[in-house]
Amino acid sequence: MAQDLRARIKAKELLIGTFIKTPAPQNVEILGQAGLDFAVVDQEHAPIGIEQMDRMALASRAAGLPLLSRRWGATRDWIAPLLDLGMAGVMVPHVMDGADAETVCDAVRFARGKRGLSPSPRAGNYGGMGGPEYREVCDASGVVMVQIEDASALDHLDEISAIEDVDMMFVGPADLSQSMQVGYPSPELDDAIMRIVAAGQKADTPIGLFVGNARQIPDWHARGVTLFVCGSDQSMLRSAATRLAAIERS
């Protein structure tokens, strides 16, 4: 499942997912059954801990929904435990330059020699895999998404995209607009996103983007973005509930 997601990202298939901000395995199952390509658990902006992630990782396997985590900090102390749960990969916010991106890759790829090795957790079939097989499977399947969402990162796109172990540069438009001190949306922001797309195309690195609604997807896909995180479980629930509450009552 995770290996398929990484292969599909690299093949630049059109992939559509959403953020999960509620620590509920049921939401993971619902999104998987609905047919989304993946989901990202938003540990950056939602109160979701490691034990809740464990249950959500189980649900992702049951639903066949590749699950990534987004959390602040490109460090092994949080990345490795989540990958041990069987998560498909990580999305790391505020990657500023090549050094930041290298740190993320060090935490994900065993071949770099810095990730602690134990096939005893779920990702290693609780010891069912030997060490060499575990390293090979994890390195082939683990997704590395680095978020470009700071004005200063725009000056380091070539060095970030040139790193082979970076699978995707993912644009966070809200924080990027804030960092640039421009509107969201705005022509200036669109130009910055296209700079990121161009750098990705130059290095053959896929580009992802957050969008607030699905109507934005065709336009940005035509411009070269291949993966979209659209809204969240909470925004979908709020939208449906608001429409329901707006029904006229006699």
C-alpha atoms as a PDB file:
ATOM      1  CA  MET A   1       0.000   0.000   0.000  1.00  0.00           C
ATOM      2  CA  ALA A   2       2.690   2.512   1.052  1.00  0.00           C
ATOM      3  CA  GLN A   3       5.014   1.319  -1.687  1.00  0.00           C
ATOM      4  CA  ASP A   4       2.242   1.846  -4.227  1.00  0.00           C
ATOM      5  CA  LEU A   5       1.766   5.444  -3.020  1.00  0.00           C
ATOM      6  CA  ARG A   6       5.438   6.304  -3.434  1.00  0.00           C
ATOM      7  CA  ALA A   7       5.480   4.732  -6.895  1.00  0.00           C
ATOM      8  CA  ARG A   8       2.349   6.646  -7.873  1.00  0.00           C
ATOM      9  CA  ILE A   9       3.860   9.908  -6.621  1.00  0.00           C
ATOM     10  CA  LYS A  10       7.016   9.316  -8.646  1.00  0.00           C
ATOM     11  CA  ALA A  11       4.915   8.427 -11.697  1.00  0.00           C
ATOM     12  CA  LYS A  12       3.204  11.819 -11.291  1.00  0.00           C
ATOM     13  CA  GLU A  13      -0.282  10.349 -11.199  1.00  0.00           C
ATOM     14  CA  LEU A  14      -3.051  12.730 -10.184  1.00  0.00           C
ATOM     15  CA  LEU A  15      -3.506  11.924  -6.487  1.00  0.00           C
ATOM     16  CA  ILE A  16      -6.167  13.428  -4.223  1.00  0.00           C
ATOM     17  CA  GLY A  17      -6.313  13.226  -0.445  1.00  0.00           C
ATOM     18  CA  THR A  18      -7.193  15.295   2.597  1.00  0.00           C
ATOM     19  CA  PHE A  19      -5.982  16.220   6.068  1.00  0.00           C
ATOM     20  CA  ILE A  20      -7.298  14.315   9.078  1.00  0.00           C
ATOM     21  CA  LYS A  21      -7.554  16.544  12.142  1.00  0.00           C
ATOM     22  CA  THR A  22      -9.717  14.297  14.330  1.00  0.00           C
ATOM     23  CA  PRO A  23      -8.074  11.397  16.201  1.00  0.00           C
ATOM     24  CA  ALA A  24     -10.667   8.873  15.048  1.00  0.00           C
ATOM     25  CA  PRO A  25      -9.895   5.566  13.273  1.00  0.00           C
ATOM     26  CA  GLN A  26     -13.422   5.677  11.875  1.00  0.00           C
ATOM     27  CA  ASN A  27     -12.559   8.776   9.837  1.00  0.00           C
ATOM     28  CA  VAL A  28      -9.603   6.943   8.322  1.00  0.00           C
ATOM     29  CA  GLU A  29     -11.861   4.057   7.331  1.00  0.00           C
ATOM     30  CA  ILE A  30     -14.526   6.356   5.862  1.00  0.00           C
ATOM     31  CA  LEU A  31     -12.012   8.239   3.728  1.00  0.00           C
ATOM     32  CA  GLY A  32     -10.486   4.995   2.523  1.00  0.00           C
ATOM     33  CA  GLN A  33     -13.862   3.521   1.655  1.00  0.00           C
ATOM     34  CA  ALA A  34     -14.742   6.740  -0.181  1.00  0.00           C
ATOM     35  CA  GLY A  35     -11.835   6.101  -2.536  1.00  0.00           C
ATOM     36  CA  LEU A  36      -9.298   8.792  -1.654  1.00  0.00           C
ATOM     37  CA  ASP A  37      -5.731   8.060  -2.697  1.00  0.00           C
ATOM     38  CA  PHE A  38      -4.177   8.940   0.678  1.00  0.00           C
ATOM     39  CA  ALA A  39      -4.647  11.092   3.782  1.00  0.00           C
ATOM     40  CA  VAL A  40      -2.333  13.136   6.003  1.00  0.00           C
ATOM     41  CA  VAL A  41      -2.851  13.134   9.764  1.00  0.00           C
ATOM     42  CA  ASP A  42      -2.268  16.736  10.821  1.00  0.00           C
ATOM     43  CA  GLN A  43      -0.290  16.449  14.037  1.00  0.00           C
ATOM     44  CA  GLU A  44       0.958  19.987  13.476  1.00  0.00           C
ATOM     45  CA  HIS A  45      -2.438  21.621  14.015  1.00  0.00           C
ATOM     46  CA  ALA A  46      -4.465  18.975  15.865  1.00  0.00           C
ATOM     47  CA  PRO A  47      -4.117  17.261  19.284  1.00  0.00           C
ATOM     48  CA  ILE A  48      -3.209  13.769  18.067  1.00  0.00           C
ATOM     49  CA  GLY A  49      -0.692  11.666  20.011  1.00  0.00           C
ATOM     50  CA  ILE A  50       1.292   8.521  19.290  1.00  0.00           C
ATOM     51  CA  GLU A  51      -1.252   6.103  20.813  1.00  0.00           C
ATOM     52  CA  GLN A  52      -4.022   7.602  18.695  1.00  0.00           C
ATOM     53  CA  MET A  53      -1.744   7.402  15.658  1.00  0.00           C
ATOM     54  CA  ASP A  54      -1.268   3.701  16.386  1.00  0.00           C
ATOM     55  CA  ARG A  55      -5.004   3.054  16.109  1.00  0.00           C
ATOM     56  CA  MET A  56      -5.285   5.217  13.013  1.00  0.00           C
ATOM     57  CA  ALA A  57      -2.428   3.320  11.372  1.00  0.00           C
ATOM     58  CA  LEU A  58      -4.329   0.081  11.977  1.00  0.00           C
ATOM     59  CA  ALA A  59      -7.429   1.603  10.406  1.00  0.00           C
ATOM     60  CA  SER A  60      -5.408   2.708   7.387  1.00  0.00           C
ATOM     61  CA  ARG A  61      -4.382  -0.884   6.766  1.00  0.00           C
ATOM     62  CA  ALA A  62      -7.944  -2.103   7.126  1.00  0.00           C
ATOM     63  CA  ALA A  63      -9.236   0.549   4.715  1.00  0.00           C
ATOM     64  CA  GLY A  64      -6.345   0.363   2.258  1.00  0.00           C
ATOM     65  CA  LEU A  65      -5.699   4.088   2.694  1.00  0.00           C
ATOM     66  CA  PRO A  66      -2.031   5.161   2.741  1.00  0.00           C
ATOM     67  CA  LEU A  67      -1.567   7.451   5.728  1.00  0.00           C
ATOM     68  CA  LEU A  68       1.113  10.076   6.268  1.00  0.00           C
ATOM     69  CA  SER A  69       1.816  12.293   9.254  1.00  0.00           C
ATOM     70  CA  ARG A  70       2.500  16.010   9.302  1.00  0.00           C
ATOM     71  CA  ARG A  71       4.293  17.302  12.359  1.00  0.00           C
ATOM     72  CA  TRP A  72       6.734  20.099  13.068  1.00  0.00           C
ATOM     73  CA  GLY A  73      10.444  19.311  13.176  1.00  0.00           C
ATOM     74  CA  ALA A  74      12.689  17.272  10.878  1.00  0.00           C
ATOM     75  CA  THR A  75      13.990  15.021  13.624  1.00  0.00           C
ATOM     76  CA  ARG A  76      14.268  11.269  14.061  1.00  0.00           C
ATOM     77  CA  ASP A  77      12.702  11.304  17.529  1.00  0.00           C
ATOM     78  CA  TRP A  78       9.190  11.680  16.074  1.00  0.00           C
ATOM     79  CA  ILE A  79       9.617  10.421  12.507  1.00  0.00           C
ATOM     80  CA  ALA A  80      10.981   6.955  13.299  1.00  0.00           C
ATOM     81  CA  PRO A  81       8.275   5.961  15.830  1.00  0.00           C
ATOM     82  CA  LEU A  82       5.526   6.893  13.368  1.00  0.00           C
ATOM     83  CA  LEU A  83       7.135   4.932  10.554  1.00  0.00           C
ATOM     84  CA  ASP A  84       7.421   1.979  12.943  1.00  0.00           C
ATOM     85  CA  LEU A  85       3.615   2.048  13.202  1.00  0.00           C
ATOM     86  CA  GLY A  86       3.382   1.355   9.486  1.00  0.00           C
ATOM     87  CA  MET A  87       2.688   4.890   8.290  1.00  0.00           C
ATOM     88  CA  ALA A  88       3.291   5.448   4.580  1.00  0.00           C
ATOM     89  CA  GLY A  89       5.562   8.418   5.170  1.00  0.00           C
ATOM     90  CA  VAL A  90       5.873  11.944   6.498  1.00  0.00           C
ATOM     91  CA  MET A  91       5.130  15.507   5.454  1.00  0.00           C
ATOM     92  CA  VAL A  92       7.506  17.871   7.244  1.00  0.00           C
ATOM     93  CA  PRO A  93       6.551  21.566   7.530  1.00  0.00           C
ATOM     94  CA  HIS A  94       8.820  24.568   7.017  1.00  0.00           C
ATOM     95  CA  VAL A  95      11.751  22.921   5.270  1.00  0.00           C
ATOM     96  CA  MET A  96      13.958  25.909   4.546  1.00  0.00           C
ATOM     97  CA  ASP A  97      16.897  24.539   2.575  1.00  0.00           C
ATOM     98  CA  GLY A  98      18.811  21.482   1.474  1.00  0.00           C
ATOM     99  CA  ALA A  99      20.220  20.845   4.944  1.00  0.00           C
ATOM    100  CA  ASP A 100      16.711  20.642   6.413  1.00  0.00           C
ATOM    101  CA  ALA A 101      15.636  18.285   3.639  1.00  0.00           C
ATOM    102  CA  GLU A 102      18.682  16.067   4.173  1.00  0.00           C
ATOM    103  CA  THR A 103      17.773  15.767   7.863  1.00  0.00           C
ATOM    104  CA  VAL A 104      14.294  14.535   6.956  1.00  0.00           C
ATOM    105  CA  CYS A 105      15.727  11.989   4.537  1.00  0.00           C
ATOM    106  CA  ASP A 106      18.187  10.791   7.192  1.00  0.00           C
ATOM    107  CA  ALA A 107      15.240  10.060   9.487  1.00  0.00           C
ATOM    108  CA  VAL A 108      13.356   8.036   6.855  1.00  0.00           C
ATOM    109  CA  ARG A 109      15.920   6.140   4.765  1.00  0.00           C
ATOM    110  CA  PHE A 110      17.845   3.298   6.429  1.00  0.00           C
ATOM    111  CA  ALA A 111      20.415   3.392   3.616  1.00  0.00           C
ATOM    112  CA  ARG A 112      21.687   6.704   4.977  1.00  0.00           C
ATOM    113  CA  GLY A 113      22.815   4.941   8.146  1.00  0.00           C
ATOM    114  CA  LYS A 114      21.158   7.206  10.726  1.00  0.00           C
ATOM    115  CA  ARG A 115      17.707   5.662  11.280  1.00  0.00           C
ATOM    116  CA  GLY A 116      17.547   3.150  14.118  1.00  0.00           C
ATOM    117  CA  LEU A 117      16.873  -0.382  12.888  1.00  0.00           C
ATOM    118  CA  SER A 118      14.433  -2.845  14.447  1.00  0.00           C
ATOM    119  CA  PRO A 119      11.991  -5.013  12.461  1.00  0.00           C
ATOM    120  CA  SER A 120      10.046  -5.745  15.668  1.00  0.00           C
ATOM    121  CA  PRO A 121       7.192  -3.190  15.219  1.00  0.00           C
ATOM    122  CA  ARG A 122       4.197  -3.382  12.891  1.00  0.00           C
ATOM    123  CA  ALA A 123       6.141  -2.038   9.912  1.00  0.00           C
ATOM    124  CA  GLY A 124       8.408  -5.094  10.146  1.00  0.00           C
ATOM    125  CA  ASN A 125       5.530  -7.539  10.659  1.00  0.00           C
ATOM    126  CA  TYR A 126       6.468  -7.784  14.337  1.00  0.00           C
ATOM    127  CA  GLY A 127       9.769  -9.447  13.533  1.00  0.00           C
ATOM    128  CA  GLY A 128       8.461 -11.428  10.588  1.00  0.00           C
ATOM    129  CA  MET A 129      10.874  -9.582   8.318  1.00  0.00           C
ATOM    130  CA  GLY A 130      14.596  -9.995   8.641  1.00  0.00           C
ATOM    131  CA  GLY A 131      16.749  -6.914   8.935  1.00  0.00           C
ATOM    132  CA  PRO A 132      17.842  -6.734   5.275  1.00  0.00           C
ATOM    133  CA  GLU A 133      14.297  -7.238   3.970  1.00  0.00           C
ATOM    134  CA  TYR A 134      12.941  -4.649   6.403  1.00  0.00           C
ATOM    135  CA  ARG A 135      15.481  -2.049   5.301  1.00  0.00           C
ATOM    136  CA  GLU A 136      14.754  -2.737   1.643  1.00  0.00           C
ATOM    137  CA  VAL A 137      10.963  -2.576   2.018  1.00  0.00           C
ATOM    138  CA  CYS A 138      11.005   0.591   4.127  1.00  0.00           C
ATOM    139  CA  ASP A 139      13.451   2.427   1.897  1.00  0.00           C
ATOM    140  CA  ALA A 140      11.402   1.501  -1.170  1.00  0.00           C
ATOM    141  CA  SER A 141       8.085   2.596   0.322  1.00  0.00           C
ATOM    142  CA  GLY A 142       8.649   5.468   2.761  1.00  0.00           C
ATOM    143  CA  VAL A 143       7.355   8.763   1.348  1.00  0.00           C
ATOM    144  CA  VAL A 144       9.341  11.936   2.028  1.00  0.00           C
ATOM    145  CA  MET A 145       7.335  15.124   1.477  1.00  0.00           C
ATOM    146  CA  VAL A 146       8.996  18.407   2.397  1.00  0.00           C
ATOM    147  CA  GLN A 147       6.805  21.473   2.728  1.00  0.00           C
ATOM    148  CA  ILE A 148       7.788  24.692   1.008  1.00  0.00           C
ATOM    149  CA  GLU A 149       5.955  27.426   2.885  1.00  0.00           C
ATOM    150  CA  ASP A 150       8.494  30.140   3.666  1.00  0.00           C
ATOM    151  CA  ALA A 151       9.713  32.988   1.491  1.00  0.00           C
ATOM    152  CA  SER A 152      13.342  32.168   2.285  1.00  0.00           C
ATOM    153  CA  ALA A 153      12.882  28.599   1.023  1.00  0.00           C
ATOM    154  CA  LEU A 154      12.178  29.959  -2.463  1.00  0.00           C
ATOM    155  CA  ASP A 155      15.891  30.747  -2.745  1.00  0.00           C
ATOM    156  CA  HIS A 156      16.813  27.109  -2.067  1.00  0.00           C
ATOM    157  CA  LEU A 157      14.433  25.221  -4.353  1.00  0.00           C
ATOM    158  CA  ASP A 158      17.151  23.828  -6.606  1.00  0.00           C
ATOM    159  CA  GLU A 159      19.160  22.357  -3.735  1.00  0.00           C
ATOM    160  CA  ILE A 160      16.056  20.839  -2.126  1.00  0.00           C
ATOM    161  CA  SER A 161      14.678  19.348  -5.329  1.00  0.00           C
ATOM    162  CA  ALA A 162      18.078  17.921  -6.289  1.00  0.00           C
ATOM    163  CA  ILE A 163      18.069  15.543  -3.297  1.00  0.00           C
ATOM    164  CA  GLU A 164      17.215  12.108  -4.666  1.00  0.00           C
ATOM    165  CA  ASP A 165      15.503  10.917  -1.480  1.00  0.00           C
ATOM    166  CA  VAL A 166      13.025  13.826  -1.519  1.00  0.00           C
ATOM    167  CA  ASP A 167       9.915  12.377  -3.156  1.00  0.00           C
ATOM    168  CA  MET A 168       7.880  15.576  -3.296  1.00  0.00           C
ATOM    169  CA  MET A 169       7.951  19.285  -2.563  1.00  0.00           C
ATOM    170  CA  PHE A 170       4.561  20.167  -1.086  1.00  0.00           C
ATOM    171  CA  VAL A 171       3.383  23.775  -1.107  1.00  0.00           C
ATOM    172  CA  GLY A 172       1.692  25.190   1.987  1.00  0.00           C
ATOM    173  CA  PRO A 173       0.036  28.276   0.452  1.00  0.00           C
ATOM    174  CA  ALA A 174      -1.338  29.796   3.661  1.00  0.00           C
ATOM    175  CA  ASP A 175       1.991  29.966   5.481  1.00  0.00           C
ATOM    176  CA  LEU A 176       3.819  30.872   2.279  1.00  0.00           C
ATOM    177  CA  SER A 177       1.521  33.849   1.706  1.00  0.00           C
ATOM    178  CA  GLN A 178       1.992  34.920   5.322  1.00  0.00           C
ATOM    179  CA  SER A 179       5.767  34.648   5.034  1.00  0.00           C
ATOM    180  CA  MET A 180       5.721  36.608   1.768  1.00  0.00           C
ATOM    181  CA  GLN A 181       3.243  39.112   3.270  1.00  0.00           C
ATOM    182  CA  VAL A 182       0.913  38.806   0.295  1.00  0.00           C
ATOM    183  CA  GLY A 183      -2.728  37.835  -0.043  1.00  0.00           C
ATOM    184  CA  TYR A 184      -4.091  34.312  -0.072  1.00  0.00           C
ATOM    185  CA  PRO A 185      -5.038  34.039  -2.869  1.00  0.00           C
ATOM    186  CA  SER A 186      -3.035  36.578  -4.850  1.00  0.00           C
ATOM    187  CA  PRO A 187      -1.098  36.801  -8.121  1.00  0.00           C
ATOM    188  CA  GLU A 188       2.134  37.076  -6.132  1.00  0.00           C
ATOM    189  CA  LEU A 189       1.399  33.803  -4.356  1.00  0.00           C
ATOM    190  CA  ASP A 190       0.513  32.080  -7.626  1.00  0.00           C
ATOM    191  CA  ASP A 191       3.825  33.248  -9.095  1.00  0.00           C
ATOM    192  CA  ALA A 192       5.703  31.795  -6.121  1.00  0.00           C
ATOM    193  CA  ILE A 193       3.888  28.470  -6.469  1.00  0.00           C
ATOM    194  CA  MET A 194       4.827  28.389 -10.144  1.00  0.00           C
ATOM    195  CA  ARG A 195       8.476  28.966  -9.180  1.00  0.00           C
ATOM    196  CA  ILE A 196       8.228  25.835  -7.056  1.00  0.00           C
ATOM    197  CA  VAL A 197       6.547  23.916  -9.880  1.00  0.00           C
ATOM    198  CA  ALA A 198       9.290  24.991 -12.290  1.00  0.00           C
ATOM    199  CA  ALA A 199      12.037  23.889  -9.896  1.00  0.00           C
ATOM    200  CA  GLY A 200      10.320  20.541  -9.464  1.00  0.00           C
ATOM    201  CA  GLN A 201       9.977  20.026 -13.195  1.00  0.00           C
ATOM    202  CA  LYS A 202      13.638  20.916 -13.716  1.00  0.00           C
ATOM    203  CA  ALA A 203      14.716  18.245 -11.198  1.00  0.00           C
ATOM    204  CA  ASP A 204      11.898  15.787 -12.018  1.00  0.00           C
ATOM    205  CA  THR A 205      10.596  16.180  -8.454  1.00  0.00           C
ATOM    206  CA  PRO A 206       6.783  15.985  -8.142  1.00  0.00           C
ATOM    207  CA  ILE A 207       4.901  18.926  -6.630  1.00  0.00           C
ATOM    208  CA  GLY A 208       1.965  18.797  -4.215  1.00  0.00           C
ATOM    209  CA  LEU A 209      -0.377  21.569  -3.087  1.00  0.00           C
ATOM    210  CA  PHE A 210      -3.030  22.229  -0.461  1.00  0.00           C
ATOM    211  CA  VAL A 211      -6.326  23.484  -1.883  1.00  0.00           C
ATOM    212  CA  GLY A 212      -9.404  24.600  -0.014  1.00  0.00           C
ATOM    213  CA  ASN A 213     -11.870  23.019  -2.410  1.00  0.00           C
ATOM    214  CA  ALA A 214     -11.879  20.518  -5.254  1.00  0.00           C
ATOM    215  CA  ARG A 215     -12.748  23.159  -7.869  1.00  0.00           C
ATOM    216  CA  GLN A 216      -9.146  24.371  -7.715  1.00  0.00           C
ATOM    217  CA  ILE A 217      -7.680  21.006  -8.687  1.00  0.00           C
ATOM    218  CA  PRO A 218      -8.109  21.003 -12.506  1.00  0.00           C
ATOM    219  CA  ASP A 219      -6.421  24.388 -12.937  1.00  0.00           C
ATOM    220  CA  TRP A 220      -3.409  23.579 -10.776  1.00  0.00           C
ATOM    221  CA  HIS A 221      -3.105  20.099 -12.257  1.00  0.00           C
ATOM    222  CA  ALA A 222      -2.894  21.697 -15.697  1.00  0.00           C
ATOM    223  CA  ARG A 223      -0.071  23.885 -14.370  1.00  0.00           C
ATOM    224  CA  GLY A 224       1.966  20.885 -13.235  1.00  0.00           C
ATOM    225  CA  VAL A 225       0.853  20.001  -9.695  1.00  0.00           C
ATOM    226  CA  THR A 226       0.186  16.263  -9.378  1.00  0.00           C
ATOM    227  CA  LEU A 227      -0.851  15.715  -5.748  1.00  0.00           C
ATOM    228  CA  PHE A 228      -3.512  17.601  -3.820  1.00  0.00           C
ATOM    229  CA  VAL A 229      -4.513  17.718  -0.176  1.00  0.00           C
ATOM    230  CA  CYS A 230      -8.039  19.134  -0.297  1.00  0.00           C
ATOM    231  CA  GLY A 231      -9.506  20.459   2.955  1.00  0.00           C
ATOM    232  CA  SER A 232      -9.840  18.149   5.932  1.00  0.00           C
ATOM    233  CA  ASP A 233     -12.217  15.767   7.631  1.00  0.00           C
ATOM    234  CA  GLN A 234     -13.347  18.651   9.840  1.00  0.00           C
ATOM    235  CA  SER A 235     -13.953  21.047   6.941  1.00  0.00           C
ATOM    236  CA  MET A 236     -15.997  18.380   5.146  1.00  0.00           C
ATOM    237  CA  LEU A 237     -18.085  17.749   8.256  1.00  0.00           C
ATOM    238  CA  ARG A 238     -18.597  21.465   8.861  1.00  0.00           C
ATOM    239  CA  SER A 239     -19.629  22.060   5.246  1.00  0.00           C
ATOM    240  CA  ALA A 240     -22.153  19.223   5.264  1.00  0.00           C
ATOM    241  CA  ALA A 241     -23.537  20.246   8.658  1.00  0.00           C
ATOM    242  CA  THR A 242     -23.861  23.890   7.592  1.00  0.00           C
ATOM    243  CA  ARG A 243     -25.815  22.912   4.480  1.00  0.00           C
ATOM    244  CA  LEU A 244     -28.073  20.701   6.567  1.00  0.00           C
ATOM    245  CA  ALA A 245     -28.699  23.427   9.135  1.00  0.00           C
ATOM    246  CA  ALA A 246     -29.559  25.902   6.367  1.00  0.00           C
ATOM    247  CA  ILE A 247     -32.561  23.891   5.161  1.00  0.00           C
ATOM    248  CA  GLU A 248     -35.758  25.891   5.564  1.00  0.00           C
ATOM    249  CA  ARG A 249     -38.068  24.651   8.292  1.00  0.00           C
ATOM    250  CA  SER A 250     -41.793  25.200   8.340  1.00  0.00           C
END
